[in-house]
Each structure stands twice: as C-alpha cells, then as structure tokens.
N, C-alpha and C. Protein backbone atom coordinates (compact mmCIF):
# COMPACT_ATOMS: atom_id res chain seq x y z
N UNK A 1 -169.12 -10.32 34.43
CA UNK A 1 -168.47 -11.60 34.41
C UNK A 1 -168.62 -12.12 32.97
N UNK A 2 -167.54 -12.68 32.33
CA UNK A 2 -167.43 -13.14 31.05
C UNK A 2 -167.47 -14.64 30.89
N UNK A 3 -167.84 -15.39 31.92
CA UNK A 3 -167.76 -16.82 31.90
C UNK A 3 -168.89 -17.37 31.10
N UNK A 4 -168.96 -18.76 31.10
CA UNK A 4 -170.05 -19.39 30.31
C UNK A 4 -171.43 -19.03 30.83
N UNK A 5 -172.30 -18.93 29.86
CA UNK A 5 -173.70 -18.64 30.21
C UNK A 5 -174.45 -19.99 30.25
N UNK A 6 -174.69 -20.38 31.49
CA UNK A 6 -175.35 -21.72 31.66
C UNK A 6 -176.79 -21.47 31.90
N UNK A 7 -177.69 -22.16 31.12
CA UNK A 7 -179.13 -21.99 31.31
C UNK A 7 -179.75 -23.34 31.41
N UNK A 8 -180.77 -23.45 32.26
CA UNK A 8 -181.46 -24.69 32.39
C UNK A 8 -182.39 -24.97 31.15
N UNK A 9 -182.69 -26.17 30.90
CA UNK A 9 -183.79 -26.46 29.89
C UNK A 9 -184.54 -27.67 30.44
N UNK A 10 -185.82 -27.74 30.01
CA UNK A 10 -186.65 -28.85 30.40
C UNK A 10 -186.41 -30.05 29.42
N UNK A 11 -186.09 -31.15 30.03
CA UNK A 11 -185.98 -32.45 29.16
C UNK A 11 -187.34 -33.07 29.12
N UNK A 12 -187.89 -33.02 27.92
CA UNK A 12 -189.26 -33.60 27.77
C UNK A 12 -189.12 -35.09 27.69
N UNK A 13 -190.23 -35.72 28.08
CA UNK A 13 -190.30 -37.21 28.03
C UNK A 13 -190.49 -37.65 26.64
N UNK A 14 -190.06 -38.84 26.28
CA UNK A 14 -190.35 -39.43 25.02
C UNK A 14 -191.91 -39.57 24.85
N UNK A 15 -192.43 -38.98 23.79
CA UNK A 15 -193.88 -39.09 23.57
C UNK A 15 -194.10 -39.39 22.08
N UNK A 16 -195.13 -40.13 21.70
CA UNK A 16 -195.46 -40.43 20.35
C UNK A 16 -195.60 -38.99 19.61
N UNK A 17 -194.98 -38.89 18.48
CA UNK A 17 -195.03 -37.64 17.65
C UNK A 17 -196.48 -37.43 17.25
N UNK A 18 -197.11 -36.38 17.57
CA UNK A 18 -198.62 -36.26 17.39
C UNK A 18 -199.03 -35.68 15.99
N UNK A 19 -198.29 -35.97 15.01
CA UNK A 19 -198.59 -35.41 13.70
C UNK A 19 -199.27 -36.41 12.79
N UNK A 20 -200.16 -36.05 11.94
CA UNK A 20 -200.91 -36.89 11.04
C UNK A 20 -199.96 -37.64 10.13
N UNK A 21 -200.15 -39.00 10.10
CA UNK A 21 -199.40 -39.88 9.24
C UNK A 21 -198.13 -40.42 9.79
N UNK A 22 -197.70 -39.86 11.00
CA UNK A 22 -196.46 -40.36 11.61
C UNK A 22 -196.82 -41.76 12.29
N UNK A 23 -196.00 -42.71 12.06
CA UNK A 23 -196.26 -44.07 12.53
C UNK A 23 -194.88 -44.52 13.25
N UNK A 24 -195.05 -44.93 14.55
CA UNK A 24 -193.90 -45.48 15.29
C UNK A 24 -192.82 -44.57 15.60
N UNK A 25 -193.10 -43.22 15.71
CA UNK A 25 -192.11 -42.25 15.94
C UNK A 25 -192.35 -41.50 17.23
N UNK A 26 -191.42 -41.55 18.17
CA UNK A 26 -191.53 -40.81 19.40
C UNK A 26 -190.43 -39.72 19.39
N UNK A 27 -190.82 -38.65 20.12
CA UNK A 27 -189.88 -37.53 20.11
C UNK A 27 -189.63 -36.96 21.50
N UNK A 28 -188.52 -36.22 21.67
CA UNK A 28 -188.24 -35.51 22.94
C UNK A 28 -187.63 -34.21 22.46
N UNK A 29 -188.36 -33.16 22.80
CA UNK A 29 -187.91 -31.83 22.36
C UNK A 29 -186.88 -31.29 23.34
N UNK A 30 -185.69 -30.86 22.83
CA UNK A 30 -184.68 -30.37 23.72
C UNK A 30 -184.80 -28.79 23.80
N UNK A 31 -185.12 -28.14 22.67
CA UNK A 31 -185.23 -26.68 22.66
C UNK A 31 -186.30 -26.36 21.60
N UNK A 32 -187.21 -25.44 22.03
CA UNK A 32 -188.22 -25.00 21.10
C UNK A 32 -188.35 -23.49 21.23
N UNK A 33 -187.52 -22.75 20.50
CA UNK A 33 -187.50 -21.30 20.57
C UNK A 33 -187.88 -20.78 19.22
N UNK A 34 -188.18 -19.46 19.12
CA UNK A 34 -188.61 -18.92 17.86
C UNK A 34 -187.52 -19.06 16.76
N UNK A 35 -186.23 -19.14 17.09
CA UNK A 35 -185.22 -19.21 16.06
C UNK A 35 -184.52 -20.51 15.99
N UNK A 36 -184.79 -21.46 16.85
CA UNK A 36 -184.08 -22.80 16.84
C UNK A 36 -184.92 -23.84 17.47
N UNK A 37 -185.09 -25.01 16.77
CA UNK A 37 -185.76 -26.19 17.36
C UNK A 37 -184.77 -27.34 17.33
N UNK A 38 -184.67 -28.07 18.46
CA UNK A 38 -183.85 -29.24 18.53
C UNK A 38 -184.72 -30.35 19.09
N UNK A 39 -184.74 -31.49 18.46
CA UNK A 39 -185.59 -32.62 18.87
C UNK A 39 -184.91 -33.91 18.58
N UNK A 40 -185.02 -34.79 19.56
CA UNK A 40 -184.54 -36.16 19.31
C UNK A 40 -185.76 -36.98 18.79
N UNK A 41 -185.59 -37.80 17.83
CA UNK A 41 -186.61 -38.58 17.33
C UNK A 41 -186.21 -40.11 17.36
N UNK A 42 -187.08 -40.88 17.91
CA UNK A 42 -186.79 -42.33 18.04
C UNK A 42 -187.84 -43.10 17.08
N UNK A 43 -187.21 -43.92 16.18
CA UNK A 43 -188.07 -44.66 15.19
C UNK A 43 -188.03 -46.18 15.60
N UNK A 44 -189.24 -46.74 15.78
CA UNK A 44 -189.38 -48.13 15.88
C UNK A 44 -189.07 -48.82 14.48
N UNK A 45 -188.99 -50.14 14.44
CA UNK A 45 -188.88 -50.75 13.12
C UNK A 45 -190.21 -50.53 12.37
N UNK A 46 -190.12 -50.25 11.13
CA UNK A 46 -191.32 -49.98 10.24
C UNK A 46 -191.99 -48.66 10.64
N UNK A 47 -191.21 -47.70 11.07
CA UNK A 47 -191.76 -46.44 11.50
C UNK A 47 -191.63 -45.47 10.26
N UNK A 48 -192.37 -44.34 10.28
CA UNK A 48 -192.33 -43.50 9.21
C UNK A 48 -192.84 -42.08 9.50
N UNK A 49 -192.09 -41.12 8.98
CA UNK A 49 -192.58 -39.70 8.87
C UNK A 49 -192.91 -39.56 7.41
N UNK A 50 -194.26 -39.31 7.14
CA UNK A 50 -194.66 -39.24 5.70
C UNK A 50 -194.03 -38.12 4.91
N UNK A 51 -194.04 -38.28 3.63
CA UNK A 51 -193.51 -37.26 2.64
C UNK A 51 -194.26 -35.94 2.90
N UNK A 52 -193.46 -34.93 3.10
CA UNK A 52 -194.06 -33.58 3.29
C UNK A 52 -193.01 -32.49 3.05
N UNK A 53 -193.39 -31.32 2.62
CA UNK A 53 -192.41 -30.21 2.51
C UNK A 53 -192.31 -29.45 3.86
N UNK A 54 -191.10 -29.13 4.25
CA UNK A 54 -190.90 -28.46 5.51
C UNK A 54 -191.06 -26.93 5.37
N UNK A 55 -191.49 -26.35 6.51
CA UNK A 55 -191.64 -24.83 6.51
C UNK A 55 -190.30 -24.19 6.72
N UNK A 56 -189.28 -24.98 7.12
CA UNK A 56 -187.97 -24.45 7.42
C UNK A 56 -186.91 -25.47 6.97
N UNK A 57 -185.65 -25.02 6.74
CA UNK A 57 -184.59 -25.93 6.43
C UNK A 57 -184.41 -26.71 7.73
N UNK A 58 -184.17 -28.05 7.54
CA UNK A 58 -183.82 -28.91 8.66
C UNK A 58 -182.59 -29.75 8.41
N UNK A 59 -181.86 -30.02 9.45
CA UNK A 59 -180.69 -30.86 9.39
C UNK A 59 -180.99 -32.03 10.34
N UNK A 60 -180.89 -33.32 9.84
CA UNK A 60 -181.16 -34.43 10.65
C UNK A 60 -179.95 -35.26 10.69
N UNK A 61 -179.46 -35.63 11.94
CA UNK A 61 -178.32 -36.41 12.13
C UNK A 61 -178.69 -37.78 12.74
N UNK A 62 -178.22 -38.84 12.07
CA UNK A 62 -178.66 -40.18 12.64
C UNK A 62 -177.57 -40.53 13.70
N UNK A 63 -178.11 -40.71 14.93
CA UNK A 63 -177.22 -40.96 16.11
C UNK A 63 -177.03 -42.48 16.30
N UNK A 64 -178.08 -43.26 16.06
CA UNK A 64 -178.04 -44.69 16.30
C UNK A 64 -178.90 -45.44 15.31
N UNK A 65 -178.53 -46.51 14.82
CA UNK A 65 -179.33 -47.40 13.98
C UNK A 65 -179.19 -47.00 12.54
N UNK A 66 -180.29 -47.26 11.83
CA UNK A 66 -180.31 -47.00 10.41
C UNK A 66 -181.71 -46.98 9.81
N UNK A 67 -181.90 -46.27 8.72
CA UNK A 67 -183.23 -46.19 8.07
C UNK A 67 -183.04 -45.65 6.64
N UNK A 68 -183.94 -44.81 6.26
CA UNK A 68 -183.92 -44.22 4.85
C UNK A 68 -184.46 -42.85 4.92
N UNK A 69 -184.01 -42.06 3.99
CA UNK A 69 -184.62 -40.69 3.80
C UNK A 69 -184.81 -40.44 2.26
N UNK A 70 -185.67 -39.57 2.05
CA UNK A 70 -185.84 -39.13 0.69
C UNK A 70 -185.93 -37.59 0.71
N UNK A 71 -185.42 -36.97 -0.28
CA UNK A 71 -185.38 -35.51 -0.44
C UNK A 71 -185.70 -35.26 -1.88
N UNK A 72 -186.74 -34.56 -2.17
CA UNK A 72 -187.16 -34.21 -3.49
C UNK A 72 -187.29 -35.39 -4.45
N UNK A 73 -187.78 -36.50 -3.87
CA UNK A 73 -188.06 -37.79 -4.60
C UNK A 73 -186.85 -38.65 -4.75
N UNK A 74 -185.64 -38.33 -4.31
CA UNK A 74 -184.49 -39.12 -4.31
C UNK A 74 -184.32 -39.88 -2.97
N UNK A 75 -184.21 -41.18 -2.98
CA UNK A 75 -184.09 -42.01 -1.79
C UNK A 75 -182.61 -42.44 -1.52
N UNK A 76 -182.25 -42.52 -0.18
CA UNK A 76 -180.97 -42.99 0.17
C UNK A 76 -180.98 -43.65 1.54
N UNK A 77 -180.11 -44.68 1.69
CA UNK A 77 -179.97 -45.26 3.00
C UNK A 77 -179.36 -44.19 4.00
N UNK A 78 -179.72 -44.33 5.25
CA UNK A 78 -179.30 -43.30 6.24
C UNK A 78 -178.90 -44.04 7.48
N UNK A 79 -177.61 -43.86 7.93
CA UNK A 79 -177.08 -44.62 9.04
C UNK A 79 -176.43 -43.71 10.11
N UNK A 80 -176.20 -44.34 11.26
CA UNK A 80 -175.47 -43.63 12.31
C UNK A 80 -174.17 -43.04 11.85
N UNK A 81 -174.02 -41.78 12.18
CA UNK A 81 -172.83 -41.05 11.75
C UNK A 81 -173.04 -40.19 10.57
N UNK A 82 -174.21 -40.29 9.97
CA UNK A 82 -174.55 -39.45 8.79
C UNK A 82 -175.58 -38.42 9.08
N UNK A 83 -175.57 -37.33 8.28
CA UNK A 83 -176.61 -36.31 8.43
C UNK A 83 -177.10 -35.95 7.03
N UNK A 84 -178.34 -35.42 7.01
CA UNK A 84 -179.00 -34.96 5.74
C UNK A 84 -179.60 -33.58 6.01
N UNK A 85 -179.57 -32.83 4.99
CA UNK A 85 -180.22 -31.53 4.97
C UNK A 85 -181.45 -31.51 4.23
N UNK A 86 -182.59 -31.15 4.79
CA UNK A 86 -183.90 -31.04 4.00
C UNK A 86 -184.09 -29.58 3.76
N UNK A 87 -184.00 -29.16 2.48
CA UNK A 87 -184.28 -27.69 2.19
C UNK A 87 -185.62 -27.35 2.46
N UNK A 88 -185.85 -26.08 2.77
CA UNK A 88 -187.22 -25.56 2.97
C UNK A 88 -188.04 -25.70 1.80
N UNK A 89 -189.31 -26.03 1.92
CA UNK A 89 -190.31 -26.25 0.87
C UNK A 89 -190.02 -27.39 -0.16
N UNK A 90 -189.02 -28.31 0.24
CA UNK A 90 -188.78 -29.45 -0.59
C UNK A 90 -189.33 -30.78 0.14
N UNK A 91 -190.09 -31.51 -0.56
CA UNK A 91 -190.69 -32.74 0.07
C UNK A 91 -189.54 -33.62 0.53
N UNK A 92 -189.79 -34.16 1.70
CA UNK A 92 -188.83 -35.11 2.33
C UNK A 92 -189.56 -36.15 3.16
N UNK A 93 -188.86 -37.17 3.50
CA UNK A 93 -189.40 -38.32 4.26
C UNK A 93 -188.30 -39.01 5.03
N UNK A 94 -188.64 -39.64 6.14
CA UNK A 94 -187.65 -40.44 6.93
C UNK A 94 -188.40 -41.65 7.43
N UNK A 95 -187.79 -42.84 7.31
CA UNK A 95 -188.42 -44.05 7.77
C UNK A 95 -187.45 -45.17 8.04
N UNK A 96 -187.95 -46.24 8.68
CA UNK A 96 -187.14 -47.43 8.95
C UNK A 96 -187.93 -48.64 8.33
N UNK A 97 -187.14 -49.69 8.12
CA UNK A 97 -187.74 -50.97 7.69
C UNK A 97 -187.60 -51.91 8.90
N UNK A 98 -186.63 -52.83 8.70
CA UNK A 98 -186.40 -53.85 9.78
C UNK A 98 -185.45 -53.38 10.89
N UNK A 99 -185.12 -52.13 11.04
CA UNK A 99 -184.25 -51.66 12.08
C UNK A 99 -184.88 -50.51 12.80
N UNK A 100 -184.21 -50.01 13.84
CA UNK A 100 -184.65 -48.91 14.61
C UNK A 100 -183.66 -47.79 14.34
N UNK A 101 -183.98 -46.56 14.80
CA UNK A 101 -183.12 -45.40 14.51
C UNK A 101 -183.47 -44.28 15.52
N UNK A 102 -182.40 -43.59 15.92
CA UNK A 102 -182.49 -42.39 16.75
C UNK A 102 -181.81 -41.21 15.99
N UNK A 103 -182.51 -40.11 15.96
CA UNK A 103 -181.94 -38.92 15.18
C UNK A 103 -182.07 -37.67 16.04
N UNK A 104 -181.18 -36.73 15.62
CA UNK A 104 -181.37 -35.34 16.16
C UNK A 104 -181.76 -34.48 15.02
N UNK A 105 -182.87 -33.75 15.22
CA UNK A 105 -183.32 -32.80 14.17
C UNK A 105 -183.10 -31.41 14.62
N UNK A 106 -182.47 -30.59 13.74
CA UNK A 106 -182.21 -29.15 14.00
C UNK A 106 -182.96 -28.36 12.94
N UNK A 107 -183.85 -27.43 13.43
CA UNK A 107 -184.54 -26.56 12.51
C UNK A 107 -184.34 -25.13 12.89
N UNK A 108 -184.23 -24.25 11.89
CA UNK A 108 -184.20 -22.84 12.07
C UNK A 108 -185.45 -22.25 11.45
N UNK A 109 -186.51 -22.05 12.19
CA UNK A 109 -187.73 -21.54 11.57
C UNK A 109 -187.55 -20.26 10.82
N UNK A 110 -188.26 -20.02 9.79
CA UNK A 110 -188.22 -18.83 9.07
C UNK A 110 -189.20 -17.86 9.71
N UNK A 111 -188.76 -16.61 9.96
CA UNK A 111 -189.67 -15.65 10.59
C UNK A 111 -190.86 -15.39 9.74
N UNK A 112 -192.02 -15.22 10.36
CA UNK A 112 -193.23 -14.88 9.67
C UNK A 112 -193.83 -16.11 9.26
C-alpha cells in the first residue's frame, strides 16, 4: 500500500521548561527523536530563555504574540508570523517583556 503513513504521537502536557535560568517558559514536546525535535514554547510576560549556544541549529517560529530574540549579540523584535534561525554553537536568547508569546521550535540534533 502506498497511502499516507499515519503514526500516533503523545501530546505532552504544558510543563515549566526545566532548564537552568529559564523563567516563565512552559513547553509541550510534539516530537523527540534522534534526528528531529519539535516543541511548542509558551512565554508569560517577562519570561526568558537565557543566552546560550545551541548544540544544534534551531528554527523558531513565532505563532502568537511577540517578544525578542538575540543571535550572536544582535537583538531584534520577534512577532507572530516571523521565524528566526539560531545557528549551531552561536549564542542566542528568546524573551518577552510586557507581552506573551507562543513559538514552535524545530531542531535537528547533530549526530554524536
């Protein structure tokens, strides 16, 4: 049969993101496989993911609301309908001030 390959996946509950320095960020993992990670991130107002270099390239799409991102020390406003790429091993950050924001993060982990 050559039809669509439909597979179930577990929809995780929104839980506070358990990483050091993360403030006001909840996440829901959609897919966590060795070659692809998909996660929804919800930011309260005045929430923050601290500056850090990523182990893999990541693409973050803003689905609702607005906030800010920095990549390699350069800061930009970040709004619904926009996406940003965070290159591997380059410091980046994502945060909100007086607004909330929901994003989709896509990562392709580097083997090894």
